[in-house]
Amino acid sequence: MSSPEVLPVLVLGGVKHLYIVQGLAAHPRFEVVAVADEEEAPDWVHERNEAAASAFGVPYVRGVSEALERYRPRVACVTPETGRHARLSVIAAESGLHIVQDKPMALTLGECDRIVAAVEAADVRFLMWNRNTFPSILQAREVLAGGGLGDPLAMHVDFFFAKDAGPLLGSGAPEVIPQGHEVLGELTVEGIYPLAYFHTLIGVPVRRVFARTTAHFFQRHADRGVEDLASVTLEMEDGTLGSLCIGRIGEPSHPNIGELKLHILGTRGAFVVAEPRPEVSVHARSLKPEDHRQRRVGVDYERRLLDDFARAIDTRTDTLLGARDSRAIAATVFAAVESGRTGRVVDVARG
């Protein structure tokens, strides 16, 4: 039997999150061949890209067209600043490349629609990088598919992550934001993760939302009028109810990595998933105060995501989270942000 085709990957538009590129570089079906960006990108972007290219031992090209011509990639990894997600994903699709894209999908629903149209016109595969392939989530999907819970009635997700984002609100500490850092609300940045669980497990479009949002933890969110904490109520098209609580809560507020848990209620039973598990507790003299005591084990979501991406390319079928699904999640996020701002129930824009 012949070995599966190894697909050359062009990291397109810079490197915001190295872990996506690291996942591609470590997977046997993908080979990172170069990093490329638009010539008119600012100097700090080129410097960041050159450092990333050097770390992966590949060339850096200032000019997207030149890189496409020189390296003939099959896959684009799009992970620049959020404001360039749509433009570069559209360029990739129009060049016939399959796409792994960083979250969030885009800053406006119109940009999301442009990505969907380009991906579908080119008939390429699109994977939004996400964390909905943990073993516990797959097990929950199997339980639902097997009818063990009956028909889903309601689902709740807690998604609190204990990562700092500069000085805590009211601390009086000076705020230094790195050049090029985008200060967006956590619903916009991280909402794709809990909403992807609804997509994976319920699979019904959201009709309308009601949200409450606040800047409770971090100075940079409060100063810019964006949320670091939110609660959202969801009504699905079939009447199923959903809710989520999401927040960047900071290391001082939680002893470990955060609280990530799903609760599913059906007509025949209920199901609770503690997402980070299996985990191991580490207690040692060498630990620093900021070190997490609980460590995830047996979870290789980068490999799982890219296994699925390779399968979708080979079989010309959908990925776990394709362009149209990502657009639906983005529309839900935009509606939730508007609801939090206005205090009103907001209908989710349909595609």
Protein backbone atom coordinates (compact mmCIF):
# COMPACT_ATOMS: atom_id res chain seq x y z
CA MET A 1 0.00 0.00 0.00
CA SER A 2 1.24 3.49 -0.82
CA SER A 3 1.81 6.00 1.98
CA PRO A 4 -0.75 8.82 2.38
CA GLU A 5 0.14 12.03 0.57
CA VAL A 6 2.08 14.59 2.61
CA LEU A 7 0.54 18.02 2.06
CA PRO A 8 2.79 21.12 1.91
CA VAL A 9 1.61 23.94 4.17
CA LEU A 10 2.16 27.66 3.71
CA VAL A 11 1.79 29.66 6.91
CA LEU A 12 -0.03 32.60 5.41
CA GLY A 13 -0.25 36.02 6.98
CA GLY A 14 2.07 35.69 9.93
CA VAL A 15 2.11 33.72 13.13
CA LYS A 16 -0.17 34.89 15.94
CA HIS A 17 -0.50 31.50 17.64
CA LEU A 18 2.51 29.23 17.24
CA TYR A 19 0.68 26.21 18.62
CA ILE A 20 -1.33 25.83 15.40
CA VAL A 21 1.83 25.77 13.28
CA GLN A 22 3.47 23.42 15.77
CA GLY A 23 0.55 21.03 15.42
CA LEU A 24 0.85 21.03 11.63
CA ALA A 25 4.63 20.61 11.75
CA ALA A 26 4.32 17.60 14.08
CA HIS A 27 1.63 15.80 12.06
CA PRO A 28 2.84 13.19 9.53
CA ARG A 29 0.34 14.29 6.86
CA PHE A 30 1.51 17.91 6.73
CA GLU A 31 4.82 19.65 6.01
CA VAL A 32 5.32 23.34 6.77
CA VAL A 33 7.33 24.63 3.78
CA ALA A 34 7.37 28.42 4.30
CA VAL A 35 5.94 31.43 6.09
CA ALA A 36 4.65 34.30 3.93
CA ASP A 37 2.93 37.62 4.44
CA GLU A 38 1.83 40.68 2.56
CA GLU A 39 4.68 43.01 1.66
CA GLU A 40 2.83 46.02 3.07
CA ALA A 41 2.57 44.47 6.56
CA PRO A 42 4.23 46.61 9.24
CA ASP A 43 7.82 45.98 10.32
CA TRP A 44 6.87 44.36 13.63
CA VAL A 45 4.78 41.78 11.76
CA HIS A 46 7.68 40.93 9.45
CA GLU A 47 9.99 40.62 12.45
CA ARG A 48 7.57 38.25 14.20
CA ASN A 49 7.19 36.19 11.03
CA GLU A 50 10.93 35.95 10.45
CA ALA A 51 11.42 34.68 13.99
CA ALA A 52 8.68 32.07 13.51
CA ALA A 53 10.10 30.93 10.16
CA SER A 54 13.53 30.57 11.74
CA ALA A 55 12.06 28.53 14.62
CA PHE A 56 10.51 26.08 12.14
CA GLY A 57 13.56 26.03 9.86
CA VAL A 58 11.70 27.30 6.79
CA PRO A 59 12.05 30.41 4.58
CA TYR A 60 10.14 33.63 5.10
CA VAL A 61 8.76 35.33 1.99
CA ARG A 62 7.57 38.94 1.85
CA GLY A 63 4.89 38.53 -0.79
CA VAL A 64 2.00 36.09 -0.85
CA SER A 65 1.88 35.63 -4.63
CA GLU A 66 5.59 34.88 -4.77
CA ALA A 67 5.31 32.26 -2.03
CA LEU A 68 2.34 30.58 -3.71
CA GLU A 69 4.25 30.37 -6.99
CA ARG A 70 7.51 29.22 -5.44
CA TYR A 71 6.29 26.55 -3.01
CA ARG A 72 3.02 25.31 -4.58
CA PRO A 73 1.34 24.60 -1.23
CA ARG A 74 -1.81 22.54 -0.82
CA VAL A 75 -2.78 23.95 2.59
CA ALA A 76 -2.77 27.43 4.11
CA CYS A 77 -2.47 28.05 7.84
CA VAL A 78 -4.05 31.47 8.40
CA THR A 79 -3.12 32.93 11.79
CA PRO A 80 -2.42 36.69 11.53
CA GLU A 81 -4.09 39.51 13.44
CA THR A 82 -7.86 39.00 13.50
CA GLY A 83 -8.51 41.93 11.17
CA ARG A 84 -6.75 40.07 8.33
CA HIS A 85 -8.36 36.65 8.80
CA ALA A 86 -11.00 37.18 6.12
CA ARG A 87 -8.79 38.72 3.45
CA LEU A 88 -6.09 36.05 3.72
CA SER A 89 -8.51 33.12 3.98
CA VAL A 90 -10.24 34.36 0.82
CA ILE A 91 -6.86 34.63 -0.95
CA ALA A 92 -6.05 31.08 0.14
CA ALA A 93 -9.39 29.68 -1.03
CA GLU A 94 -9.20 31.48 -4.37
CA SER A 95 -5.72 29.97 -4.79
CA GLY A 96 -7.21 26.49 -4.32
CA LEU A 97 -5.72 25.86 -0.89
CA HIS A 98 -7.38 23.98 1.94
CA ILE A 99 -7.44 26.17 5.04
CA VAL A 100 -6.74 25.85 8.73
CA GLN A 101 -7.77 29.18 10.24
CA ASP A 102 -7.21 30.70 13.65
CA LYS A 103 -10.17 31.94 15.68
CA PRO A 104 -12.22 34.11 15.68
CA MET A 105 -13.44 33.70 12.11
CA ALA A 106 -13.56 37.47 11.39
CA LEU A 107 -14.53 40.80 12.90
CA THR A 108 -17.81 41.22 10.96
CA LEU A 109 -20.48 38.88 9.67
CA GLY A 110 -19.95 40.23 6.15
CA GLU A 111 -16.33 39.08 6.28
CA CYS A 112 -17.45 35.64 7.50
CA ASP A 113 -19.81 35.43 4.52
CA ARG A 114 -16.92 36.27 2.17
CA ILE A 115 -14.92 33.35 3.57
CA VAL A 116 -17.86 30.95 3.20
CA ALA A 117 -18.48 32.04 -0.39
CA ALA A 118 -14.81 31.70 -1.37
CA VAL A 119 -14.42 28.28 0.28
CA GLU A 120 -17.57 26.89 -1.33
CA ALA A 121 -16.78 28.35 -4.76
CA ALA A 122 -13.32 26.77 -4.71
CA ASP A 123 -14.59 23.48 -3.15
CA VAL A 124 -11.75 23.42 -0.63
CA ARG A 125 -11.85 22.15 2.95
CA PHE A 126 -11.88 24.64 5.84
CA LEU A 127 -11.10 23.86 9.48
CA MET A 128 -11.59 26.43 12.22
CA TRP A 129 -9.05 25.64 14.92
CA ASN A 130 -11.04 24.64 17.98
CA ARG A 131 -11.03 22.42 21.05
CA ASN A 132 -14.13 20.28 20.63
CA THR A 133 -12.45 16.92 20.08
CA PHE A 134 -11.56 15.90 23.61
CA PRO A 135 -12.34 12.25 24.40
CA SER A 136 -15.06 13.29 26.84
CA ILE A 137 -16.79 15.35 24.15
CA LEU A 138 -16.67 12.47 21.70
CA GLN A 139 -18.12 10.22 24.39
CA ALA A 140 -20.95 12.70 24.99
CA ARG A 141 -21.70 12.73 21.27
CA GLU A 142 -21.84 8.93 21.24
CA VAL A 143 -24.23 8.89 24.21
CA LEU A 144 -26.53 11.40 22.51
CA ALA A 145 -26.39 9.59 19.17
CA GLY A 146 -27.18 6.29 20.88
CA GLY A 147 -30.34 7.68 22.44
CA GLY A 148 -29.20 7.09 26.01
CA LEU A 149 -30.38 10.55 27.10
CA GLY A 150 -33.45 10.66 24.89
CA ASP A 151 -34.09 13.95 23.12
CA PRO A 152 -31.90 16.86 24.32
CA LEU A 153 -33.86 19.47 26.25
CA ALA A 154 -31.17 21.79 27.55
CA MET A 155 -27.40 22.17 27.72
CA HIS A 156 -25.13 24.38 29.81
CA VAL A 157 -21.40 25.05 29.42
CA ASP A 158 -19.05 26.58 31.97
CA PHE A 159 -15.96 27.90 30.21
CA PHE A 160 -13.75 29.80 32.64
CA PHE A 161 -10.02 29.90 31.95
CA ALA A 162 -7.48 31.05 34.51
CA LYS A 163 -5.19 33.01 32.22
CA ASP A 164 -4.07 36.54 33.02
CA ALA A 165 -4.49 39.48 30.67
CA GLY A 166 -2.43 42.22 32.24
CA PRO A 167 -3.13 43.97 35.55
CA LEU A 168 -6.27 43.10 37.47
CA LEU A 169 -9.02 45.71 37.55
CA GLY A 170 -8.42 48.20 40.34
CA SER A 171 -4.87 47.03 41.04
CA GLY A 172 -3.33 50.32 39.94
CA ALA A 173 -0.51 48.47 38.18
CA PRO A 174 0.77 50.00 34.93
CA GLU A 175 -0.68 48.52 31.73
CA VAL A 176 1.78 47.64 28.98
CA ILE A 177 0.14 46.09 25.89
CA PRO A 178 2.56 44.48 23.41
CA GLN A 179 2.72 45.99 19.94
CA GLY A 180 0.07 44.54 17.67
CA HIS A 181 -1.88 42.94 20.52
CA GLU A 182 -5.61 43.04 19.86
CA VAL A 183 -7.81 43.77 22.87
CA LEU A 184 -11.08 42.07 22.00
CA GLY A 185 -13.86 40.84 24.26
CA GLU A 186 -13.63 37.26 25.45
CA LEU A 187 -16.94 36.34 23.81
CA THR A 188 -15.41 37.38 20.48
CA VAL A 189 -12.09 35.64 21.07
CA GLU A 190 -13.06 32.49 22.97
CA GLY A 191 -16.79 32.09 22.35
CA ILE A 192 -16.12 29.66 19.53
CA TYR A 193 -15.04 26.98 22.03
CA PRO A 194 -18.21 26.59 24.14
CA LEU A 195 -20.43 27.29 21.12
CA ALA A 196 -18.62 24.58 19.17
CA TYR A 197 -19.79 22.16 21.85
CA PHE A 198 -23.40 23.12 21.12
CA HIS A 199 -22.71 22.64 17.41
CA THR A 200 -21.05 19.25 17.98
CA LEU A 201 -23.54 17.86 20.50
CA ILE A 202 -26.87 19.52 19.69
CA GLY A 203 -26.38 20.40 16.01
CA VAL A 204 -29.35 22.79 15.85
CA PRO A 205 -28.96 26.46 14.79
CA VAL A 206 -29.37 29.15 17.45
CA ARG A 207 -32.46 31.33 16.90
CA ARG A 208 -31.92 34.10 19.45
CA VAL A 209 -29.78 35.01 22.45
CA PHE A 210 -29.79 37.07 25.61
CA ALA A 211 -26.50 38.01 27.25
CA ARG A 212 -25.08 39.88 30.19
CA THR A 213 -21.48 41.03 29.87
CA THR A 214 -19.03 42.90 32.07
CA ALA A 215 -15.36 43.75 32.56
CA HIS A 216 -14.89 42.26 36.01
CA PHE A 217 -11.28 41.06 36.13
CA PHE A 218 -8.87 42.99 33.89
CA GLN A 219 -8.04 46.65 33.44
CA ARG A 220 -7.47 46.44 29.69
CA HIS A 221 -10.98 45.10 29.10
CA ALA A 222 -12.57 47.77 31.26
CA ASP A 223 -10.55 50.55 29.63
CA ARG A 224 -11.67 49.46 26.15
CA GLY A 225 -15.29 48.69 26.93
CA VAL A 226 -15.10 44.95 26.15
CA GLU A 227 -16.08 41.98 28.27
CA ASP A 228 -13.92 39.51 30.14
CA LEU A 229 -16.96 37.79 31.69
CA ALA A 230 -20.33 36.89 30.14
CA SER A 231 -23.42 34.75 30.61
CA VAL A 232 -25.47 33.85 27.54
CA THR A 233 -28.86 32.18 27.14
CA LEU A 234 -29.54 30.47 23.80
CA GLU A 235 -32.79 29.38 22.18
CA MET A 236 -32.34 26.85 19.38
CA GLU A 237 -34.48 26.58 16.27
CA ASP A 238 -36.18 23.45 17.63
CA GLY A 239 -36.89 24.93 21.05
CA THR A 240 -33.92 23.33 22.81
CA LEU A 241 -32.45 25.69 25.39
CA GLY A 242 -28.79 26.40 26.03
CA SER A 243 -26.72 28.56 28.30
CA LEU A 244 -23.07 29.29 28.82
CA CYS A 245 -20.89 31.19 31.23
CA ILE A 246 -17.55 32.29 29.85
CA GLY A 247 -14.72 34.34 31.22
CA ARG A 248 -11.03 35.03 31.45
CA ILE A 249 -10.88 34.92 35.22
CA GLY A 250 -7.14 35.17 35.92
CA GLU A 251 -4.76 32.97 37.85
CA PRO A 252 -5.53 34.47 41.30
CA SER A 253 -9.19 33.44 41.02
CA HIS A 254 -8.68 29.72 40.36
CA PRO A 255 -6.14 27.17 41.65
CA ASN A 256 -5.72 25.39 38.32
CA ILE A 257 -6.44 25.90 34.62
CA GLY A 258 -10.06 26.95 35.09
CA GLU A 259 -13.53 25.43 35.09
CA LEU A 260 -14.58 23.69 31.87
CA LYS A 261 -17.74 21.62 32.26
CA LEU A 262 -20.79 20.60 30.22
CA HIS A 263 -24.24 19.68 31.54
CA ILE A 264 -26.73 18.03 29.16
CA LEU A 265 -30.35 17.32 30.11
CA GLY A 266 -32.45 14.96 27.99
CA THR A 267 -35.90 13.42 28.16
CA ARG A 268 -34.45 10.18 29.57
CA GLY A 269 -31.49 11.33 31.64
CA ALA A 270 -28.65 13.78 32.21
CA PHE A 271 -24.95 13.82 31.39
CA VAL A 272 -22.11 15.86 32.93
CA VAL A 273 -18.70 16.18 31.28
CA ALA A 274 -15.67 17.62 33.07
CA GLU A 275 -13.73 18.54 29.95
CA PRO A 276 -10.11 18.70 31.22
CA ARG A 277 -10.15 15.14 32.50
CA PRO A 278 -8.36 12.78 32.59
CA GLU A 279 -5.93 14.79 34.65
CA VAL A 280 -3.14 14.21 37.14
CA SER A 281 -2.35 16.17 40.30
CA VAL A 282 1.24 17.33 40.71
CA HIS A 283 2.56 18.32 44.16
CA ALA A 284 6.30 18.91 44.30
CA ARG A 285 8.88 21.13 45.97
CA SER A 286 9.94 22.58 42.62
CA LEU A 287 6.52 24.04 41.79
CA LYS A 288 6.23 27.81 41.65
CA PRO A 289 3.13 29.57 43.03
CA GLU A 290 1.82 30.26 39.51
CA ASP A 291 2.19 26.63 38.34
CA HIS A 292 -0.99 24.62 37.84
CA ARG A 293 -1.31 21.62 40.16
CA GLN A 294 -3.75 19.81 37.88
CA ARG A 295 -2.33 18.73 34.50
CA ARG A 296 -4.24 17.36 31.54
CA VAL A 297 -3.13 13.94 30.30
CA GLY A 298 -4.12 11.77 27.37
CA VAL A 299 -5.46 14.71 25.38
CA ASP A 300 -3.85 15.42 22.02
CA TYR A 301 -6.40 17.68 20.41
CA GLU A 302 -3.95 19.07 17.82
CA ARG A 303 -3.46 15.57 16.42
CA ARG A 304 -7.20 14.82 16.54
CA LEU A 305 -8.10 18.04 14.74
CA LEU A 306 -5.55 17.47 12.02
CA ASP A 307 -6.46 13.79 11.63
CA ASP A 308 -9.98 15.03 10.90
CA PHE A 309 -8.70 17.72 8.53
CA ALA A 310 -6.65 15.20 6.56
CA ARG A 311 -9.63 12.84 6.40
CA ALA A 312 -11.84 15.64 5.08
CA ILE A 313 -9.31 16.50 2.37
CA ASP A 314 -8.93 12.85 1.35
CA THR A 315 -12.66 12.17 1.24
CA ARG A 316 -13.85 15.63 0.14
CA THR A 317 -16.23 15.74 3.09
CA ASP A 318 -16.85 18.21 5.91
CA THR A 319 -14.43 18.94 8.74
CA LEU A 320 -15.45 19.01 12.39
CA LEU A 321 -15.95 22.76 12.16
CA GLY A 322 -16.18 24.02 8.59
CA ALA A 323 -16.70 27.48 7.14
CA ARG A 324 -20.51 27.52 7.24
CA ASP A 325 -20.60 26.14 10.81
CA SER A 326 -17.98 28.70 11.86
CA ARG A 327 -20.09 31.45 10.31
CA ALA A 328 -23.11 30.32 12.34
CA ILE A 329 -21.06 30.41 15.53
CA ALA A 330 -19.72 33.87 14.66
CA ALA A 331 -23.28 35.10 14.07
CA THR A 332 -24.24 33.81 17.54
CA VAL A 333 -21.25 35.59 19.09
CA PHE A 334 -22.08 38.88 17.36
CA ALA A 335 -25.69 38.62 18.55
CA ALA A 336 -24.56 37.88 22.11
CA VAL A 337 -22.19 40.87 22.13
CA GLU A 338 -25.01 43.11 20.89
CA SER A 339 -27.37 41.71 23.52
CA GLY A 340 -24.82 42.36 26.24
CA ARG A 341 -24.41 45.93 25.01
CA THR A 342 -28.13 46.73 24.65
CA GLY A 343 -29.72 44.52 27.31
CA ARG A 344 -32.18 43.13 24.75
CA VAL A 345 -32.89 39.70 23.24
CA VAL A 346 -31.22 39.59 19.81
CA ASP A 347 -32.07 37.36 16.85
CA VAL A 348 -29.12 35.51 15.30
CA ALA A 349 -28.51 36.47 11.66
CA ARG A 350 -29.05 33.53 9.36
CA GLY A 351 -26.70 32.62 6.54
